[in-house]
Amino acid sequence: MSVDDIKASLVEANSLMAGARGIFLGATEVAEEGRSLADSACHDSGKGEVVAAVRAFNSAVQEIERAVRRFDSAIELADEYRGQL
């Protein structure tokens, strides 16, 4: 594989990662909307199920945000590597 082939592969991989990142951002919006609906529907509820559901939505949003940061980091590192070739 030539250096140009490697560079092209990195560009393609970054494009795919950017697409996946966008999907995860969409999932963040959906999870945040679900959290907002759960919060408004069950405001001040002390029921265990409600508290657990809100925690689950919060956890989902946090995990998705972590995944997006990982995509950002991977894209940045691949770009740096491509620039060094």
PDB file of N, CA and C in Angstrom:
ATOM      1  N   MET A   1       0.849  -1.168   0.000  1.00  0.00           N
ATOM      2  CA  MET A   1       0.000   0.000   0.000  1.00  0.00           C
ATOM      3  C   MET A   1       0.904   1.244   0.000  1.00  0.00           C
ATOM      4  N   SER A   2       0.641   2.168  -0.893  1.00  0.00           N
ATOM      5  CA  SER A   2       1.451   3.384  -0.995  1.00  0.00           C
ATOM      6  C   SER A   2       1.010   4.407   0.050  1.00  0.00           C
ATOM      7  N   VAL A   3       1.824   5.427   0.218  1.00  0.00           N
ATOM      8  CA  VAL A   3       1.499   6.499   1.154  1.00  0.00           C
ATOM      9  C   VAL A   3       0.200   7.190   0.719  1.00  0.00           C
ATOM     10  N   ASP A   4       0.039   7.388  -0.579  1.00  0.00           N
ATOM     11  CA  ASP A   4      -1.196   8.012  -1.071  1.00  0.00           C
ATOM     12  C   ASP A   4      -2.414   7.136  -0.793  1.00  0.00           C
ATOM     13  N   ASP A   5      -2.243   5.817  -0.903  1.00  0.00           N
ATOM     14  CA  ASP A   5      -3.337   4.896  -0.571  1.00  0.00           C
ATOM     15  C   ASP A   5      -3.697   4.995   0.907  1.00  0.00           C
ATOM     16  N   ILE A   6      -2.697   5.086   1.754  1.00  0.00           N
ATOM     17  CA  ILE A   6      -2.931   5.207   3.197  1.00  0.00           C
ATOM     18  C   ILE A   6      -3.648   6.514   3.495  1.00  0.00           C
ATOM     19  N   LYS A   7      -3.208   7.584   2.883  1.00  0.00           N
ATOM     20  CA  LYS A   7      -3.857   8.879   3.085  1.00  0.00           C
ATOM     21  C   LYS A   7      -5.313   8.837   2.635  1.00  0.00           C
ATOM     22  N   ALA A   8      -5.558   8.227   1.501  1.00  0.00           N
ATOM     23  CA  ALA A   8      -6.933   8.109   0.997  1.00  0.00           C
ATOM     24  C   ALA A   8      -7.789   7.275   1.941  1.00  0.00           C
ATOM     25  N   SER A   9      -7.215   6.214   2.472  1.00  0.00           N
ATOM     26  CA  SER A   9      -7.951   5.376   3.432  1.00  0.00           C
ATOM     27  C   SER A   9      -8.283   6.151   4.698  1.00  0.00           C
ATOM     28  N   LEU A  10      -7.345   6.967   5.153  1.00  0.00           N
ATOM     29  CA  LEU A  10      -7.598   7.776   6.345  1.00  0.00           C
ATOM     30  C   LEU A  10      -8.700   8.806   6.100  1.00  0.00           C
ATOM     31  N   VAL A  11      -8.702   9.398   4.929  1.00  0.00           N
ATOM     32  CA  VAL A  11      -9.760  10.359   4.576  1.00  0.00           C
ATOM     33  C   VAL A  11     -11.113   9.657   4.564  1.00  0.00           C
ATOM     34  N   GLU A  12     -11.160   8.473   3.962  1.00  0.00           N
ATOM     35  CA  GLU A  12     -12.411   7.715   3.919  1.00  0.00           C
ATOM     36  C   GLU A  12     -12.861   7.312   5.321  1.00  0.00           C
ATOM     37  N   ALA A  13     -11.918   6.852   6.144  1.00  0.00           N
ATOM     38  CA  ALA A  13     -12.254   6.461   7.518  1.00  0.00           C
ATOM     39  C   ALA A  13     -12.791   7.658   8.294  1.00  0.00           C
ATOM     40  N   ASN A  14     -12.163   8.814   8.133  1.00  0.00           N
ATOM     41  CA  ASN A  14     -12.642  10.006   8.826  1.00  0.00           C
ATOM     42  C   ASN A  14     -14.031  10.409   8.357  1.00  0.00           C
ATOM     43  N   SER A  15     -14.288  10.241   7.086  1.00  0.00           N
ATOM     44  CA  SER A  15     -15.615  10.547   6.557  1.00  0.00           C
ATOM     45  C   SER A  15     -16.667   9.638   7.195  1.00  0.00           C
ATOM     46  N   LEU A  16     -16.340   8.367   7.297  1.00  0.00           N
ATOM     47  CA  LEU A  16     -17.264   7.415   7.931  1.00  0.00           C
ATOM     48  C   LEU A  16     -17.459   7.731   9.415  1.00  0.00           C
ATOM     49  N   MET A  17     -16.357   8.080  10.088  1.00  0.00           N
ATOM     50  CA  MET A  17     -16.468   8.433  11.513  1.00  0.00           C
ATOM     51  C   MET A  17     -17.287   9.702  11.700  1.00  0.00           C
ATOM     52  N   ALA A  18     -17.133  10.652  10.800  1.00  0.00           N
ATOM     53  CA  ALA A  18     -17.917  11.881  10.886  1.00  0.00           C
ATOM     54  C   ALA A  18     -19.406  11.577  10.702  1.00  0.00           C
ATOM     55  N   GLY A  19     -19.716  10.652   9.808  1.00  0.00           N
ATOM     56  CA  GLY A  19     -21.109  10.236   9.630  1.00  0.00           C
ATOM     57  C   GLY A  19     -21.657   9.574  10.879  1.00  0.00           C
ATOM     58  N   ALA A  20     -20.861   8.696  11.483  1.00  0.00           N
ATOM     59  CA  ALA A  20     -21.280   8.035  12.721  1.00  0.00           C
ATOM     60  C   ALA A  20     -21.446   9.059  13.839  1.00  0.00           C
ATOM     61  N   ARG A  21     -20.547  10.025  13.887  1.00  0.00           N
ATOM     62  CA  ARG A  21     -20.633  11.092  14.889  1.00  0.00           C
ATOM     63  C   ARG A  21     -21.966  11.817  14.763  1.00  0.00           C
ATOM     64  N   GLY A  22     -22.356  12.121  13.530  1.00  0.00           N
ATOM     65  CA  GLY A  22     -23.636  12.791  13.291  1.00  0.00           C
ATOM     66  C   GLY A  22     -24.815  11.968  13.765  1.00  0.00           C
ATOM     67  N   ILE A  23     -24.752  10.670  13.559  1.00  0.00           N
ATOM     68  CA  ILE A  23     -25.820   9.786  14.037  1.00  0.00           C
ATOM     69  C   ILE A  23     -25.898   9.830  15.558  1.00  0.00           C
ATOM     70  N   PHE A  24     -24.733   9.810  16.206  1.00  0.00           N
ATOM     71  CA  PHE A  24     -24.717   9.867  17.667  1.00  0.00           C
ATOM     72  C   PHE A  24     -25.259  11.206  18.168  1.00  0.00           C
ATOM     73  N   LEU A  25     -24.935  12.296  17.468  1.00  0.00           N
ATOM     74  CA  LEU A  25     -25.484  13.594  17.863  1.00  0.00           C
ATOM     75  C   LEU A  25     -27.005  13.596  17.755  1.00  0.00           C
ATOM     76  N   GLY A  26     -27.530  12.951  16.721  1.00  0.00           N
ATOM     77  CA  GLY A  26     -28.983  12.818  16.599  1.00  0.00           C
ATOM     78  C   GLY A  26     -29.562  12.008  17.746  1.00  0.00           C
ATOM     79  N   ALA A  27     -28.838  10.967  18.147  1.00  0.00           N
ATOM     80  CA  ALA A  27     -29.284  10.158  19.283  1.00  0.00           C
ATOM     81  C   ALA A  27     -29.270  10.977  20.559  1.00  0.00           C
ATOM     82  N   THR A  28     -28.309  11.869  20.697  1.00  0.00           N
ATOM     83  CA  THR A  28     -28.264  12.748  21.869  1.00  0.00           C
ATOM     84  C   THR A  28     -29.514  13.605  21.935  1.00  0.00           C
ATOM     85  N   GLU A  29     -29.906  14.163  20.794  1.00  0.00           N
ATOM     86  CA  GLU A  29     -31.114  14.991  20.755  1.00  0.00           C
ATOM     87  C   GLU A  29     -32.341  14.187  21.162  1.00  0.00           C
ATOM     88  N   VAL A  30     -32.453  12.972  20.668  1.00  0.00           N
ATOM     89  CA  VAL A  30     -33.593  12.116  20.998  1.00  0.00           C
ATOM     90  C   VAL A  30     -33.590  11.776  22.485  1.00  0.00           C
ATOM     91  N   ALA A  31     -32.428  11.407  23.020  1.00  0.00           N
ATOM     92  CA  ALA A  31     -32.332  11.059  24.442  1.00  0.00           C
ATOM     93  C   ALA A  31     -32.637  12.270  25.314  1.00  0.00           C
ATOM     94  N   GLU A  32     -32.145  13.443  24.924  1.00  0.00           N
ATOM     95  CA  GLU A  32     -32.427  14.646  25.703  1.00  0.00           C
ATOM     96  C   GLU A  32     -33.911  14.997  25.651  1.00  0.00           C
ATOM     97  N   GLU A  33     -34.539  14.800  24.507  1.00  0.00           N
ATOM     98  CA  GLU A  33     -35.981  15.037  24.397  1.00  0.00           C
ATOM     99  C   GLU A  33     -36.742  14.059  25.291  1.00  0.00           C
ATOM    100  N   GLY A  34     -36.318  12.797  25.286  1.00  0.00           N
ATOM    101  CA  GLY A  34     -36.948  11.807  26.163  1.00  0.00           C
ATOM    102  C   GLY A  34     -36.783  12.173  27.625  1.00  0.00           C
ATOM    103  N   ARG A  35     -35.603  12.629  27.979  1.00  0.00           N
ATOM    104  CA  ARG A  35     -35.351  13.048  29.359  1.00  0.00           C
ATOM    105  C   ARG A  35     -36.240  14.225  29.728  1.00  0.00           C
ATOM    106  N   SER A  36     -36.353  15.185  28.825  1.00  0.00           N
ATOM    107  CA  SER A  36     -37.183  16.356  29.083  1.00  0.00           C
ATOM    108  C   SER A  36     -38.653  15.967  29.262  1.00  0.00           C
ATOM    109  N   LEU A  37     -39.138  15.083  28.405  1.00  0.00           N
ATOM    110  CA  LEU A  37     -40.523  14.618  28.533  1.00  0.00           C
ATOM    111  C   LEU A  37     -40.738  13.865  29.839  1.00  0.00           C
ATOM    112  N   ALA A  38     -39.799  13.032  30.197  1.00  0.00           N
ATOM    113  CA  ALA A  38     -39.909  12.287  31.458  1.00  0.00           C
ATOM    114  C   ALA A  38     -39.889  13.240  32.644  1.00  0.00           C
ATOM    115  N   ASP A  39     -39.011  14.231  32.587  1.00  0.00           N
ATOM    116  CA  ASP A  39     -38.938  15.217  33.672  1.00  0.00           C
ATOM    117  C   ASP A  39     -40.248  15.977  33.818  1.00  0.00           C
ATOM    118  N   SER A  40     -40.805  16.443  32.695  1.00  0.00           N
ATOM    119  CA  SER A  40     -42.029  17.243  32.775  1.00  0.00           C
ATOM    120  C   SER A  40     -43.232  16.393  33.158  1.00  0.00           C
ATOM    121  N   ALA A  41     -43.273  15.160  32.690  1.00  0.00           N
ATOM    122  CA  ALA A  41     -44.422  14.296  33.001  1.00  0.00           C
ATOM    123  C   ALA A  41     -44.402  13.814  34.441  1.00  0.00           C
ATOM    124  N   CYS A  42     -43.225  13.693  35.001  1.00  0.00           N
ATOM    125  CA  CYS A  42     -43.105  13.102  36.339  1.00  0.00           C
ATOM    126  C   CYS A  42     -42.452  14.063  37.327  1.00  0.00           C
ATOM    127  N   HIS A  43     -42.627  15.337  37.080  1.00  0.00           N
ATOM    128  CA  HIS A  43     -42.010  16.353  37.930  1.00  0.00           C
ATOM    129  C   HIS A  43     -42.331  16.113  39.408  1.00  0.00           C
ATOM    130  N   ASP A  44     -41.297  16.146  40.217  1.00  0.00           N
ATOM    131  CA  ASP A  44     -41.398  15.984  41.673  1.00  0.00           C
ATOM    132  C   ASP A  44     -41.906  14.612  42.105  1.00  0.00           C
ATOM    133  N   SER A  45     -41.891  13.649  41.224  1.00  0.00           N
ATOM    134  CA  SER A  45     -42.298  12.306  41.616  1.00  0.00           C
ATOM    135  C   SER A  45     -41.146  11.644  42.356  1.00  0.00           C
ATOM    136  N   GLY A  46     -41.478  10.999  43.447  1.00  0.00           N
ATOM    137  CA  GLY A  46     -40.454  10.313  44.223  1.00  0.00           C
ATOM    138  C   GLY A  46     -40.451   8.815  43.977  1.00  0.00           C
ATOM    139  N   LYS A  47     -41.274   8.375  43.045  1.00  0.00           N
ATOM    140  CA  LYS A  47     -41.356   6.940  42.782  1.00  0.00           C
ATOM    141  C   LYS A  47     -40.029   6.431  42.247  1.00  0.00           C
ATOM    142  N   GLY A  48     -39.652   5.273  42.704  1.00  0.00           N
ATOM    143  CA  GLY A  48     -38.376   4.686  42.323  1.00  0.00           C
ATOM    144  C   GLY A  48     -38.221   4.493  40.837  1.00  0.00           C
ATOM    145  N   GLU A  49     -39.302   4.088  40.179  1.00  0.00           N
ATOM    146  CA  GLU A  49     -39.236   3.856  38.739  1.00  0.00           C
ATOM    147  C   GLU A  49     -38.959   5.149  37.980  1.00  0.00           C
ATOM    148  N   VAL A  50     -39.571   6.240  38.436  1.00  0.00           N
ATOM    149  CA  VAL A  50     -39.389   7.526  37.783  1.00  0.00           C
ATOM    150  C   VAL A  50     -37.957   8.013  37.972  1.00  0.00           C
ATOM    151  N   VAL A  51     -37.481   7.923  39.200  1.00  0.00           N
ATOM    152  CA  VAL A  51     -36.108   8.330  39.494  1.00  0.00           C
ATOM    153  C   VAL A  51     -35.133   7.498  38.667  1.00  0.00           C
ATOM    154  N   ALA A  52     -35.373   6.201  38.583  1.00  0.00           N
ATOM    155  CA  ALA A  52     -34.495   5.321  37.802  1.00  0.00           C
ATOM    156  C   ALA A  52     -34.545   5.666  36.316  1.00  0.00           C
ATOM    157  N   ALA A  53     -35.715   5.997  35.807  1.00  0.00           N
ATOM    158  CA  ALA A  53     -35.847   6.344  34.389  1.00  0.00           C
ATOM    159  C   ALA A  53     -35.087   7.629  34.073  1.00  0.00           C
ATOM    160  N   VAL A  54     -35.220   8.631  34.935  1.00  0.00           N
ATOM    161  CA  VAL A  54     -34.509   9.897  34.716  1.00  0.00           C
ATOM    162  C   VAL A  54     -32.999   9.658  34.766  1.00  0.00           C
ATOM    163  N   ARG A  55     -32.557   8.852  35.698  1.00  0.00           N
ATOM    164  CA  ARG A  55     -31.128   8.520  35.774  1.00  0.00           C
ATOM    165  C   ARG A  55     -30.670   7.804  34.507  1.00  0.00           C
ATOM    166  N   ALA A  56     -31.502   6.912  33.998  1.00  0.00           N
ATOM    167  CA  ALA A  56     -31.153   6.177  32.783  1.00  0.00           C
ATOM    168  C   ALA A  56     -31.036   7.121  31.592  1.00  0.00           C
ATOM    169  N   PHE A  57     -31.970   8.068  31.463  1.00  0.00           N
ATOM    170  CA  PHE A  57     -31.875   9.053  30.384  1.00  0.00           C
ATOM    171  C   PHE A  57     -30.599   9.882  30.533  1.00  0.00           C
ATOM    172  N   ASN A  58     -30.313  10.334  31.755  1.00  0.00           N
ATOM    173  CA  ASN A  58     -29.100  11.117  31.988  1.00  0.00           C
ATOM    174  C   ASN A  58     -27.853  10.320  31.635  1.00  0.00           C
ATOM    175  N   SER A  59     -27.838   9.071  32.023  1.00  0.00           N
ATOM    176  CA  SER A  59     -26.702   8.200  31.724  1.00  0.00           C
ATOM    177  C   SER A  59     -26.545   7.997  30.219  1.00  0.00           C
ATOM    178  N   ALA A  60     -27.662   7.801  29.529  1.00  0.00           N
ATOM    179  CA  ALA A  60     -27.615   7.619  28.074  1.00  0.00           C
ATOM    180  C   ALA A  60     -27.021   8.842  27.393  1.00  0.00           C
ATOM    181  N   VAL A  61     -27.469  10.022  27.794  1.00  0.00           N
ATOM    182  CA  VAL A  61     -26.949  11.256  27.202  1.00  0.00           C
ATOM    183  C   VAL A  61     -25.452  11.373  27.469  1.00  0.00           C
ATOM    184  N   GLN A  62     -25.022  11.084  28.682  1.00  0.00           N
ATOM    185  CA  GLN A  62     -23.597  11.167  29.015  1.00  0.00           C
ATOM    186  C   GLN A  62     -22.768  10.181  28.196  1.00  0.00           C
ATOM    187  N   GLU A  63     -23.249   8.973  28.040  1.00  0.00           N
ATOM    188  CA  GLU A  63     -22.523   7.966  27.256  1.00  0.00           C
ATOM    189  C   GLU A  63     -22.423   8.367  25.790  1.00  0.00           C
ATOM    190  N   ILE A  64     -23.498   8.903  25.252  1.00  0.00           N
ATOM    191  CA  ILE A  64     -23.482   9.333  23.860  1.00  0.00           C
ATOM    192  C   ILE A  64     -22.503  10.492  23.689  1.00  0.00           C
ATOM    193  N   GLU A  65     -22.512  11.429  24.642  1.00  0.00           N
ATOM    194  CA  GLU A  65     -21.582  12.564  24.565  1.00  0.00           C
ATOM    195  C   GLU A  65     -20.135  12.074  24.632  1.00  0.00           C
ATOM    196  N   ARG A  66     -19.870  11.063  25.458  1.00  0.00           N
ATOM    197  CA  ARG A  66     -18.517  10.491  25.506  1.00  0.00           C
ATOM    198  C   ARG A  66     -18.137   9.884  24.161  1.00  0.00           C
ATOM    199  N   ALA A  67     -19.075   9.171  23.554  1.00  0.00           N
ATOM    200  CA  ALA A  67     -18.805   8.552  22.250  1.00  0.00           C
ATOM    201  C   ALA A  67     -18.502   9.622  21.205  1.00  0.00           C
ATOM    202  N   VAL A  68     -19.242  10.716  21.223  1.00  0.00           N
ATOM    203  CA  VAL A  68     -18.996  11.811  20.273  1.00  0.00           C
ATOM    204  C   VAL A  68     -17.595  12.384  20.485  1.00  0.00           C
ATOM    205  N   ARG A  69     -17.192  12.557  21.748  1.00  0.00           N
ATOM    206  CA  ARG A  69     -15.837  13.057  22.022  1.00  0.00           C
ATOM    207  C   ARG A  69     -14.784  12.070  21.509  1.00  0.00           C
ATOM    208  N   ARG A  70     -15.058  10.773  21.621  1.00  0.00           N
ATOM    209  CA  ARG A  70     -14.116   9.774  21.104  1.00  0.00           C
ATOM    210  C   ARG A  70     -14.022   9.842  19.584  1.00  0.00           C
ATOM    211  N   PHE A  71     -15.154  10.029  18.918  1.00  0.00           N
ATOM    212  CA  PHE A  71     -15.127  10.202  17.460  1.00  0.00           C
ATOM    213  C   PHE A  71     -14.300  11.430  17.105  1.00  0.00           C
ATOM    214  N   ASP A  72     -14.525  12.541  17.822  1.00  0.00           N
ATOM    215  CA  ASP A  72     -13.765  13.762  17.559  1.00  0.00           C
ATOM    216  C   ASP A  72     -12.270  13.514  17.708  1.00  0.00           C
ATOM    217  N   SER A  73     -11.905  12.826  18.771  1.00  0.00           N
ATOM    218  CA  SER A  73     -10.493  12.542  19.026  1.00  0.00           C
ATOM    219  C   SER A  73      -9.910  11.644  17.939  1.00  0.00           C
ATOM    220  N   ALA A  74     -10.631  10.618  17.554  1.00  0.00           N
ATOM    221  CA  ALA A  74     -10.145   9.703  16.518  1.00  0.00           C
ATOM    222  C   ALA A  74      -9.966  10.431  15.191  1.00  0.00           C
ATOM    223  N   ILE A  75     -10.913  11.277  14.851  1.00  0.00           N
ATOM    224  CA  ILE A  75     -10.824  12.041  13.603  1.00  0.00           C
ATOM    225  C   ILE A  75      -9.611  12.971  13.645  1.00  0.00           C
ATOM    226  N   GLU A  76      -9.435  13.647  14.759  1.00  0.00           N
ATOM    227  CA  GLU A  76      -8.304  14.569  14.901  1.00  0.00           C
ATOM    228  C   GLU A  76      -6.968  13.831  14.805  1.00  0.00           C
ATOM    229  N   LEU A  77      -6.856  12.708  15.504  1.00  0.00           N
ATOM    230  CA  LEU A  77      -5.604  11.947  15.479  1.00  0.00           C
ATOM    231  C   LEU A  77      -5.307  11.385  14.091  1.00  0.00           C
ATOM    232  N   ALA A  78      -6.339  10.913  13.401  1.00  0.00           N
ATOM    233  CA  ALA A  78      -6.132  10.402  12.044  1.00  0.00           C
ATOM    234  C   ALA A  78      -5.685  11.524  11.111  1.00  0.00           C
ATOM    235  N   ASP A  79      -6.266  12.713  11.286  1.00  0.00           N
ATOM    236  CA  ASP A  79      -5.846  13.869  10.473  1.00  0.00           C
ATOM    237  C   ASP A  79      -4.392  14.234  10.758  1.00  0.00           C
ATOM    238  N   GLU A  80      -4.018  14.211  12.035  1.00  0.00           N
ATOM    239  CA  GLU A  80      -2.628  14.516  12.399  1.00  0.00           C
ATOM    240  C   GLU A  80      -1.680  13.499  11.767  1.00  0.00           C
ATOM    241  N   TYR A  81      -2.039  12.226  11.847  1.00  0.00           N
ATOM    242  CA  TYR A  81      -1.194  11.178  11.277  1.00  0.00           C
ATOM    243  C   TYR A  81      -1.075  11.347   9.768  1.00  0.00           C
ATOM    244  N   ARG A  82      -2.194  11.607   9.119  1.00  0.00           N
ATOM    245  CA  ARG A  82      -2.196  11.809   7.667  1.00  0.00           C
ATOM    246  C   ARG A  82      -1.293  12.980   7.296  1.00  0.00           C
ATOM    247  N   GLY A  83      -1.319  14.035   8.118  1.00  0.00           N
ATOM    248  CA  GLY A  83      -0.480  15.204   7.860  1.00  0.00           C
ATOM    249  C   GLY A  83       1.012  14.902   8.022  1.00  0.00           C
ATOM    250  N   GLN A  84       1.334  13.896   8.825  1.00  0.00           N
ATOM    251  CA  GLN A  84       2.730  13.552   9.043  1.00  0.00           C
ATOM    252  C   GLN A  84       3.282  12.622   7.963  1.00  0.00           C
ATOM    253  N   LEU A  85       2.378  12.016   7.203  1.00  0.00           N
ATOM    254  CA  LEU A  85       2.849  11.083   6.154  1.00  0.00           C
ATOM    255  C   LEU A  85       3.453  11.820   4.975  1.00  0.00           C
TER     256      LEU A  85
END
